[in-house]
């Protein structure tokens, strides 16, 4: 699976599989958070969620 941008993982869930369904943050206006300040929010196309054999 291809991930767009930096992937932030919770250290307690590092072995769980990831599925990127969005990119960025829907709110993106928090004064204390800069994780996605340079990324515009976007939904990933459904075609990228499934792998074809």
C-alpha atoms as a PDB file:
ATOM      1  CA  UNK A   1       0.000   0.000   0.000  1.00  0.00           C
ATOM      2  CA  UNK A   2       1.200   3.498  -0.825  1.00  0.00           C
ATOM      3  CA  UNK A   3       1.050   6.231   1.835  1.00  0.00           C
ATOM      4  CA  UNK A   4       1.042   9.923   0.961  1.00  0.00           C
ATOM      5  CA  UNK A   5       3.213  12.136   3.151  1.00  0.00           C
ATOM      6  CA  UNK A   6       4.535  11.414   6.610  1.00  0.00           C
ATOM      7  CA  UNK A   7       2.940   8.539   8.511  1.00  0.00           C
ATOM      8  CA  UNK A   8       2.379   9.202  12.217  1.00  0.00           C
ATOM      9  CA  UNK A   9       1.923   6.063  14.309  1.00  0.00           C
ATOM     10  CA  UNK A  10       0.849   5.630  17.878  1.00  0.00           C
ATOM     11  CA  UNK A  11       3.759   3.759  19.545  1.00  0.00           C
ATOM     12  CA  UNK A  12       1.307   1.468  21.352  1.00  0.00           C
ATOM     13  CA  UNK A  13      -0.226   0.374  18.042  1.00  0.00           C
ATOM     14  CA  UNK A  14       2.960  -0.017  15.987  1.00  0.00           C
ATOM     15  CA  UNK A  15       2.144  -3.589  14.955  1.00  0.00           C
ATOM     16  CA  UNK A  16      -1.415  -2.793  13.790  1.00  0.00           C
ATOM     17  CA  UNK A  17      -1.938  -2.505  10.020  1.00  0.00           C
ATOM     18  CA  UNK A  18      -2.555   0.978   8.631  1.00  0.00           C
ATOM     19  CA  UNK A  19      -5.186   2.022   6.115  1.00  0.00           C
ATOM     20  CA  UNK A  20      -4.887   5.585   4.886  1.00  0.00           C
ATOM     21  CA  UNK A  21      -8.381   6.868   4.093  1.00  0.00           C
ATOM     22  CA  UNK A  22      -7.663  10.574   4.443  1.00  0.00           C
ATOM     23  CA  UNK A  23      -4.721  12.885   4.088  1.00  0.00           C
ATOM     24  CA  UNK A  24      -4.194  15.813   6.445  1.00  0.00           C
ATOM     25  CA  UNK A  25      -6.632  17.024   9.079  1.00  0.00           C
ATOM     26  CA  UNK A  26     -10.258  18.087   8.647  1.00  0.00           C
ATOM     27  CA  UNK A  27      -9.944  20.883  11.216  1.00  0.00           C
ATOM     28  CA  UNK A  28      -6.263  21.877  10.902  1.00  0.00           C
ATOM     29  CA  UNK A  29      -6.689  25.045  13.004  1.00  0.00           C
ATOM     30  CA  UNK A  30      -5.420  23.895  16.417  1.00  0.00           C
ATOM     31  CA  UNK A  31      -2.898  26.318  17.945  1.00  0.00           C
ATOM     32  CA  UNK A  32      -0.940  23.466  19.585  1.00  0.00           C
ATOM     33  CA  UNK A  33      -0.737  21.008  16.676  1.00  0.00           C
ATOM     34  CA  UNK A  34       1.484  21.367  13.629  1.00  0.00           C
ATOM     35  CA  UNK A  35       1.385  17.735  12.430  1.00  0.00           C
ATOM     36  CA  UNK A  36      -0.512  18.494   9.232  1.00  0.00           C
ATOM     37  CA  UNK A  37      -0.107  22.261   8.930  1.00  0.00           C
ATOM     38  CA  UNK A  38       1.534  21.909   5.507  1.00  0.00           C
ATOM     39  CA  UNK A  39      -0.914  19.271   4.187  1.00  0.00           C
ATOM     40  CA  UNK A  40      -4.305  20.064   2.678  1.00  0.00           C
ATOM     41  CA  UNK A  41      -7.101  17.722   3.803  1.00  0.00           C
ATOM     42  CA  UNK A  42      -8.115  15.221   1.139  1.00  0.00           C
ATOM     43  CA  UNK A  43     -10.025  11.939   1.006  1.00  0.00           C
ATOM     44  CA  UNK A  44      -8.035   9.129  -0.610  1.00  0.00           C
ATOM     45  CA  UNK A  45      -9.722   7.593  -3.701  1.00  0.00           C
ATOM     46  CA  UNK A  46     -11.428   4.274  -2.921  1.00  0.00           C
ATOM     47  CA  UNK A  47      -9.342   2.561  -5.620  1.00  0.00           C
ATOM     48  CA  UNK A  48      -6.246   3.026  -3.448  1.00  0.00           C
ATOM     49  CA  UNK A  49      -7.825   1.104  -0.546  1.00  0.00           C
ATOM     50  CA  UNK A  50      -7.944  -2.261  -2.246  1.00  0.00           C
ATOM     51  CA  UNK A  51      -5.206  -4.320  -3.775  1.00  0.00           C
ATOM     52  CA  UNK A  52      -5.877  -6.269  -6.951  1.00  0.00           C
ATOM     53  CA  UNK A  53      -4.338  -9.663  -7.532  1.00  0.00           C
END
